Each structure stands twice: as structure tokens, then as C-alpha cells.
Amino acid sequence: MEQGRIRLKDIQFDCIIGILPYERENKQPVILNLTLWLDFAQAAKTEDLNESIDYAKLAEELKGFIRLSCFKLVETLVVKTAEYVLEHYPKASAVEVSVTKPQAVPGCLGAEASVKVSRK
């Protein structure tokens, strides 16, 4: 087994996230970071994308999933996003998801939540 990781860094987009009334009505910027762990052996041997994870496709899927979900808490967002990845990408043995809300706290670069989930 050639355990490797794929990282998607600083995927930026707007979505509904938060508990305050104005947050439920107005999209806010979020920054998504994702790390996937998977076996690289077959992909490295064949150079076939089907033996790995199409991370461009994954990034677009996750933006759609998060935008449609309209989560209230970033904690929920990271857990549900990790579950989505493991459910839809069986080659991933584990995933770490972090999300930053850059405008969450005045005078702060952002509030961030993260979680790492492994297959059972």
C-alpha cells in the first residue's frame, strides 16, 4: 500500500452559514480546506485517474453540497462534509475538513472549525 494524501487548499466561495438572522439571509465567504488519505499504488502504477480521486470534481461537488445545505454551525458543516466525502468517495480512507469564516469575528482573521474522520 502506498498511502498518500491529496490536499485542496483555500477553496473560496459564498454560502449561507450561521445562526444570526442576517446570516440566514445573506451569503458569507467561507474558505474550505480538505485533506484526503488514500492508497496511491494503483494510480501511480497505471496513471489512471479512475484509480485516484478527481479533486477538481470533488471541489465543485462540495461547493454545491455546502451551498444547498445552509448549515447553521461550522461544526455541522465540517462533520457533514467529511461524511459526504467518505460516502461518495470510497477510495478515501480518511478525510480532514476545515472551514474558516473570515468575517465571523470583527478584528479577527476568521473563525475556523475542523474535523478528521476515518473509515470504520
N, C-alpha and C. Protein backbone atom coordinates (compact mmCIF):
# COMPACT_ATOMS: atom_id res chain seq x y z
N MET A 1 0.84 -1.18 0.00
CA MET A 1 0.00 0.00 0.00
C MET A 1 0.89 1.24 0.00
N GLU A 2 0.56 2.18 -0.86
CA GLU A 2 1.26 3.46 -0.94
C GLU A 2 0.33 4.55 -0.43
N GLN A 3 0.21 4.63 0.90
CA GLN A 3 -0.71 5.61 1.50
C GLN A 3 -0.22 7.02 1.18
N GLY A 4 -1.09 7.82 0.60
CA GLY A 4 -0.76 9.19 0.28
C GLY A 4 -1.87 10.11 0.69
N ARG A 5 -1.68 11.38 0.41
CA ARG A 5 -2.73 12.34 0.73
C ARG A 5 -2.84 13.37 -0.39
N ILE A 6 -4.05 13.80 -0.60
CA ILE A 6 -4.37 14.86 -1.54
C ILE A 6 -4.92 16.01 -0.72
N ARG A 7 -4.41 17.22 -0.96
CA ARG A 7 -4.89 18.39 -0.23
C ARG A 7 -5.49 19.40 -1.20
N LEU A 8 -6.64 19.90 -0.84
CA LEU A 8 -7.27 21.01 -1.55
C LEU A 8 -7.22 22.20 -0.61
N LYS A 9 -6.55 23.26 -1.03
CA LYS A 9 -6.27 24.37 -0.13
C LYS A 9 -7.02 25.64 -0.55
N ASP A 10 -7.68 26.22 0.43
CA ASP A 10 -8.28 27.54 0.29
C ASP A 10 -9.29 27.65 -0.84
N ILE A 11 -10.24 26.73 -0.88
CA ILE A 11 -11.36 26.82 -1.82
C ILE A 11 -12.28 27.90 -1.26
N GLN A 12 -12.45 28.98 -2.00
CA GLN A 12 -13.21 30.12 -1.50
C GLN A 12 -14.52 30.27 -2.26
N PHE A 13 -15.61 30.42 -1.51
CA PHE A 13 -16.92 30.62 -2.10
C PHE A 13 -17.85 31.19 -1.04
N ASP A 14 -19.03 31.61 -1.47
CA ASP A 14 -20.03 32.19 -0.56
C ASP A 14 -21.15 31.19 -0.33
N CYS A 15 -21.69 31.19 0.90
CA CYS A 15 -22.82 30.33 1.23
C CYS A 15 -23.55 30.90 2.44
N ILE A 16 -24.72 30.35 2.70
CA ILE A 16 -25.46 30.68 3.93
C ILE A 16 -24.88 29.82 5.04
N ILE A 17 -24.36 30.49 6.08
CA ILE A 17 -23.80 29.77 7.24
C ILE A 17 -23.93 30.70 8.45
N GLY A 18 -24.47 30.18 9.53
CA GLY A 18 -24.57 30.97 10.75
C GLY A 18 -25.94 30.87 11.39
N ILE A 19 -26.03 31.37 12.61
CA ILE A 19 -27.27 31.29 13.38
C ILE A 19 -27.99 32.62 13.50
N LEU A 20 -27.28 33.70 13.28
CA LEU A 20 -27.89 35.03 13.44
C LEU A 20 -28.83 35.32 12.27
N PRO A 21 -29.88 36.10 12.52
CA PRO A 21 -30.87 36.35 11.46
C PRO A 21 -30.25 36.85 10.15
N TYR A 22 -29.31 37.80 10.21
CA TYR A 22 -28.72 38.30 8.97
C TYR A 22 -27.87 37.22 8.28
N GLU A 23 -27.31 36.28 9.06
CA GLU A 23 -26.52 35.19 8.46
C GLU A 23 -27.41 34.19 7.72
N ARG A 24 -28.67 34.09 8.14
CA ARG A 24 -29.61 33.17 7.49
C ARG A 24 -30.14 33.75 6.16
N GLU A 25 -29.94 35.06 5.98
CA GLU A 25 -30.46 35.74 4.79
C GLU A 25 -29.38 36.12 3.78
N ASN A 26 -28.16 36.28 4.24
CA ASN A 26 -27.08 36.78 3.38
C ASN A 26 -25.93 35.78 3.30
N LYS A 27 -25.49 35.53 2.10
CA LYS A 27 -24.34 34.65 1.91
C LYS A 27 -23.09 35.32 2.47
N GLN A 28 -22.20 34.48 2.99
CA GLN A 28 -20.92 34.94 3.53
C GLN A 28 -19.79 34.15 2.89
N PRO A 29 -18.61 34.73 2.83
CA PRO A 29 -17.48 33.96 2.31
C PRO A 29 -17.04 32.88 3.32
N VAL A 30 -16.66 31.75 2.79
CA VAL A 30 -16.02 30.69 3.59
C VAL A 30 -14.81 30.20 2.82
N ILE A 31 -13.88 29.62 3.56
CA ILE A 31 -12.68 29.03 2.98
C ILE A 31 -12.63 27.58 3.42
N LEU A 32 -12.65 26.68 2.46
CA LEU A 32 -12.67 25.25 2.71
C LEU A 32 -11.29 24.65 2.42
N ASN A 33 -10.78 23.86 3.36
CA ASN A 33 -9.56 23.08 3.16
C ASN A 33 -9.89 21.63 3.41
N LEU A 34 -9.29 20.77 2.60
CA LEU A 34 -9.63 19.35 2.63
C LEU A 34 -8.36 18.53 2.44
N THR A 35 -8.19 17.51 3.26
CA THR A 35 -7.10 16.55 3.07
C THR A 35 -7.73 15.17 3.01
N LEU A 36 -7.38 14.43 1.95
CA LEU A 36 -7.87 13.06 1.76
C LEU A 36 -6.69 12.11 1.86
N TRP A 37 -6.88 10.99 2.55
CA TRP A 37 -5.88 9.94 2.59
C TRP A 37 -6.38 8.77 1.76
N LEU A 38 -5.52 8.24 0.91
CA LEU A 38 -5.90 7.11 0.08
C LEU A 38 -4.65 6.38 -0.41
N ASP A 39 -4.87 5.18 -0.90
CA ASP A 39 -3.80 4.35 -1.43
C ASP A 39 -3.45 4.86 -2.83
N PHE A 40 -2.21 5.26 -3.04
CA PHE A 40 -1.74 5.77 -4.33
C PHE A 40 -1.20 4.68 -5.24
N ALA A 41 -1.02 3.46 -4.77
CA ALA A 41 -0.29 2.43 -5.50
C ALA A 41 -0.84 2.20 -6.91
N GLN A 42 -2.12 1.93 -7.04
CA GLN A 42 -2.69 1.61 -8.35
C GLN A 42 -2.68 2.83 -9.28
N ALA A 43 -2.99 3.99 -8.74
CA ALA A 43 -2.96 5.21 -9.56
C ALA A 43 -1.53 5.50 -10.05
N ALA A 44 -0.56 5.31 -9.20
CA ALA A 44 0.83 5.54 -9.59
C ALA A 44 1.29 4.52 -10.64
N LYS A 45 0.81 3.31 -10.51
CA LYS A 45 1.19 2.24 -11.45
C LYS A 45 0.57 2.47 -12.83
N THR A 46 -0.70 2.86 -12.87
CA THR A 46 -1.43 2.95 -14.14
C THR A 46 -1.57 4.37 -14.68
N GLU A 47 -1.34 5.37 -13.83
CA GLU A 47 -1.60 6.77 -14.18
C GLU A 47 -3.02 6.98 -14.69
N ASP A 48 -3.95 6.25 -14.09
CA ASP A 48 -5.37 6.31 -14.44
C ASP A 48 -6.09 7.06 -13.32
N LEU A 49 -6.73 8.17 -13.68
CA LEU A 49 -7.45 8.98 -12.69
C LEU A 49 -8.55 8.19 -12.00
N ASN A 50 -9.11 7.19 -12.67
CA ASN A 50 -10.14 6.36 -12.05
C ASN A 50 -9.62 5.59 -10.84
N GLU A 51 -8.31 5.48 -10.71
CA GLU A 51 -7.70 4.78 -9.57
C GLU A 51 -7.36 5.74 -8.43
N SER A 52 -7.74 7.00 -8.60
CA SER A 52 -7.49 8.02 -7.58
C SER A 52 -8.79 8.77 -7.33
N ILE A 53 -8.70 10.02 -6.96
CA ILE A 53 -9.86 10.87 -6.74
C ILE A 53 -9.70 12.12 -7.59
N ASP A 54 -10.72 12.41 -8.37
CA ASP A 54 -10.74 13.60 -9.21
C ASP A 54 -11.01 14.80 -8.31
N TYR A 55 -9.97 15.47 -7.87
CA TYR A 55 -10.15 16.52 -6.88
C TYR A 55 -10.81 17.78 -7.43
N ALA A 56 -10.71 18.03 -8.73
CA ALA A 56 -11.43 19.17 -9.32
C ALA A 56 -12.94 18.92 -9.24
N LYS A 57 -13.34 17.71 -9.59
CA LYS A 57 -14.76 17.32 -9.49
C LYS A 57 -15.23 17.37 -8.03
N LEU A 58 -14.41 16.86 -7.13
CA LEU A 58 -14.76 16.86 -5.71
C LEU A 58 -14.97 18.29 -5.19
N ALA A 59 -14.07 19.19 -5.55
CA ALA A 59 -14.19 20.58 -5.08
C ALA A 59 -15.52 21.20 -5.52
N GLU A 60 -15.89 20.99 -6.77
CA GLU A 60 -17.15 21.53 -7.27
C GLU A 60 -18.35 20.88 -6.58
N GLU A 61 -18.29 19.58 -6.37
CA GLU A 61 -19.37 18.88 -5.66
C GLU A 61 -19.56 19.43 -4.25
N LEU A 62 -18.44 19.64 -3.56
CA LEU A 62 -18.53 20.11 -2.18
C LEU A 62 -19.08 21.53 -2.09
N LYS A 63 -18.70 22.39 -3.02
CA LYS A 63 -19.27 23.74 -3.03
C LYS A 63 -20.79 23.66 -3.20
N GLY A 64 -21.26 22.82 -4.10
CA GLY A 64 -22.70 22.66 -4.30
C GLY A 64 -23.38 22.09 -3.07
N PHE A 65 -22.78 21.06 -2.48
CA PHE A 65 -23.34 20.42 -1.29
C PHE A 65 -23.47 21.43 -0.15
N ILE A 66 -22.42 22.19 0.09
CA ILE A 66 -22.42 23.15 1.20
C ILE A 66 -23.41 24.29 0.92
N ARG A 67 -23.43 24.79 -0.30
CA ARG A 67 -24.36 25.88 -0.64
C ARG A 67 -25.82 25.45 -0.46
N LEU A 68 -26.14 24.23 -0.84
CA LEU A 68 -27.52 23.75 -0.72
C LEU A 68 -27.91 23.44 0.73
N SER A 69 -26.94 23.13 1.56
CA SER A 69 -27.22 22.70 2.93
C SER A 69 -27.58 23.84 3.87
N CYS A 70 -27.04 25.02 3.67
CA CYS A 70 -27.34 26.18 4.52
C CYS A 70 -27.18 25.86 6.01
N PHE A 71 -26.02 25.34 6.38
CA PHE A 71 -25.77 24.96 7.77
C PHE A 71 -25.82 26.17 8.70
N LYS A 72 -26.14 25.91 9.96
CA LYS A 72 -26.13 26.96 10.97
C LYS A 72 -24.76 27.05 11.65
N LEU A 73 -24.14 25.91 11.91
CA LEU A 73 -22.86 25.89 12.63
C LEU A 73 -21.74 25.38 11.73
N VAL A 74 -20.55 25.98 11.86
CA VAL A 74 -19.41 25.47 11.10
C VAL A 74 -19.04 24.06 11.56
N GLU A 75 -19.34 23.74 12.81
CA GLU A 75 -19.08 22.39 13.31
C GLU A 75 -19.90 21.37 12.53
N THR A 76 -21.16 21.70 12.28
CA THR A 76 -22.01 20.81 11.49
C THR A 76 -21.49 20.72 10.06
N LEU A 77 -21.11 21.86 9.50
CA LEU A 77 -20.61 21.90 8.13
C LEU A 77 -19.42 20.96 7.95
N VAL A 78 -18.44 21.01 8.85
CA VAL A 78 -17.24 20.18 8.65
C VAL A 78 -17.55 18.70 8.84
N VAL A 79 -18.39 18.35 9.81
CA VAL A 79 -18.75 16.94 10.03
C VAL A 79 -19.54 16.39 8.85
N LYS A 80 -20.56 17.11 8.41
CA LYS A 80 -21.38 16.64 7.29
C LYS A 80 -20.59 16.58 5.99
N THR A 81 -19.66 17.49 5.80
CA THR A 81 -18.82 17.47 4.61
C THR A 81 -17.90 16.27 4.63
N ALA A 82 -17.31 15.96 5.77
CA ALA A 82 -16.46 14.76 5.89
C ALA A 82 -17.28 13.50 5.62
N GLU A 83 -18.47 13.44 6.16
CA GLU A 83 -19.35 12.27 5.92
C GLU A 83 -19.68 12.16 4.43
N TYR A 84 -19.94 13.28 3.78
CA TYR A 84 -20.25 13.28 2.35
C TYR A 84 -19.07 12.69 1.56
N VAL A 85 -17.88 13.14 1.87
CA VAL A 85 -16.70 12.66 1.15
C VAL A 85 -16.55 11.15 1.31
N LEU A 86 -16.64 10.66 2.53
CA LEU A 86 -16.45 9.22 2.76
C LEU A 86 -17.57 8.40 2.12
N GLU A 87 -18.78 8.95 2.07
CA GLU A 87 -19.90 8.24 1.45
C GLU A 87 -19.77 8.18 -0.08
N HIS A 88 -19.31 9.27 -0.68
CA HIS A 88 -19.28 9.36 -2.14
C HIS A 88 -17.93 9.03 -2.77
N TYR A 89 -16.88 8.92 -1.98
CA TYR A 89 -15.54 8.63 -2.49
C TYR A 89 -14.94 7.45 -1.72
N PRO A 90 -15.30 6.24 -2.10
CA PRO A 90 -14.86 5.06 -1.35
C PRO A 90 -13.35 4.84 -1.33
N LYS A 91 -12.61 5.44 -2.24
CA LYS A 91 -11.16 5.28 -2.23
C LYS A 91 -10.51 6.04 -1.07
N ALA A 92 -11.20 7.02 -0.53
CA ALA A 92 -10.66 7.79 0.61
C ALA A 92 -10.77 6.96 1.89
N SER A 93 -9.64 6.78 2.56
CA SER A 93 -9.65 6.05 3.83
C SER A 93 -9.90 6.98 5.01
N ALA A 94 -9.61 8.25 4.82
CA ALA A 94 -9.84 9.26 5.86
C ALA A 94 -9.91 10.62 5.19
N VAL A 95 -10.54 11.56 5.87
CA VAL A 95 -10.64 12.92 5.36
C VAL A 95 -10.57 13.90 6.52
N GLU A 96 -9.88 15.00 6.29
CA GLU A 96 -9.87 16.10 7.25
C GLU A 96 -10.45 17.31 6.54
N VAL A 97 -11.41 17.96 7.19
CA VAL A 97 -12.09 19.11 6.62
C VAL A 97 -11.94 20.27 7.59
N SER A 98 -11.56 21.43 7.07
CA SER A 98 -11.59 22.65 7.89
C SER A 98 -12.28 23.74 7.10
N VAL A 99 -13.02 24.57 7.82
CA VAL A 99 -13.72 25.69 7.22
C VAL A 99 -13.46 26.93 8.06
N THR A 100 -13.15 28.01 7.37
CA THR A 100 -12.94 29.29 8.02
C THR A 100 -14.01 30.26 7.55
N LYS A 101 -14.59 31.00 8.50
CA LYS A 101 -15.50 32.11 8.20
C LYS A 101 -14.69 33.39 8.44
N PRO A 102 -14.17 34.01 7.36
CA PRO A 102 -13.29 35.17 7.55
C PRO A 102 -13.96 36.38 8.19
N GLN A 103 -15.27 36.50 8.07
CA GLN A 103 -15.96 37.68 8.61
C GLN A 103 -16.71 37.38 9.90
N ALA A 104 -16.42 36.26 10.54
CA ALA A 104 -17.20 35.85 11.72
C ALA A 104 -16.99 36.74 12.93
N VAL A 105 -15.77 37.20 13.15
CA VAL A 105 -15.46 37.98 14.34
C VAL A 105 -14.74 39.26 13.91
N PRO A 106 -15.29 40.42 14.23
CA PRO A 106 -14.61 41.67 13.86
C PRO A 106 -13.20 41.73 14.46
N GLY A 107 -12.25 42.19 13.65
CA GLY A 107 -10.87 42.32 14.11
C GLY A 107 -10.12 41.00 14.17
N CYS A 108 -10.68 39.95 13.59
CA CYS A 108 -10.08 38.62 13.62
C CYS A 108 -9.99 38.11 12.18
N LEU A 109 -8.96 37.34 11.87
CA LEU A 109 -8.81 36.82 10.51
C LEU A 109 -9.83 35.75 10.17
N GLY A 110 -10.53 35.23 11.17
CA GLY A 110 -11.57 34.26 10.89
C GLY A 110 -11.75 33.26 12.01
N ALA A 111 -12.92 32.66 12.03
CA ALA A 111 -13.22 31.56 12.95
C ALA A 111 -13.16 30.27 12.14
N GLU A 112 -12.52 29.26 12.68
CA GLU A 112 -12.30 28.00 11.95
C GLU A 112 -12.73 26.81 12.78
N ALA A 113 -13.30 25.83 12.10
CA ALA A 113 -13.61 24.54 12.72
C ALA A 113 -13.03 23.46 11.81
N SER A 114 -12.56 22.36 12.40
CA SER A 114 -12.03 21.26 11.60
C SER A 114 -12.32 19.93 12.27
N VAL A 115 -12.32 18.88 11.43
CA VAL A 115 -12.55 17.53 11.92
C VAL A 115 -11.81 16.56 11.01
N LYS A 116 -11.32 15.48 11.59
CA LYS A 116 -10.74 14.39 10.80
C LYS A 116 -11.58 13.13 11.08
N VAL A 117 -12.02 12.47 9.98
CA VAL A 117 -12.86 11.30 10.12
C VAL A 117 -12.24 10.18 9.29
N SER A 118 -12.15 9.00 9.88
CA SER A 118 -11.61 7.83 9.19
C SER A 118 -12.73 6.81 8.99
N ARG A 119 -12.54 5.98 7.99
CA ARG A 119 -13.50 4.87 7.78
C ARG A 119 -13.47 3.95 8.97
N LYS A 120 -14.61 3.38 9.28
CA LYS A 120 -14.70 2.43 10.40
C LYS A 120 -14.40 1.05 9.95
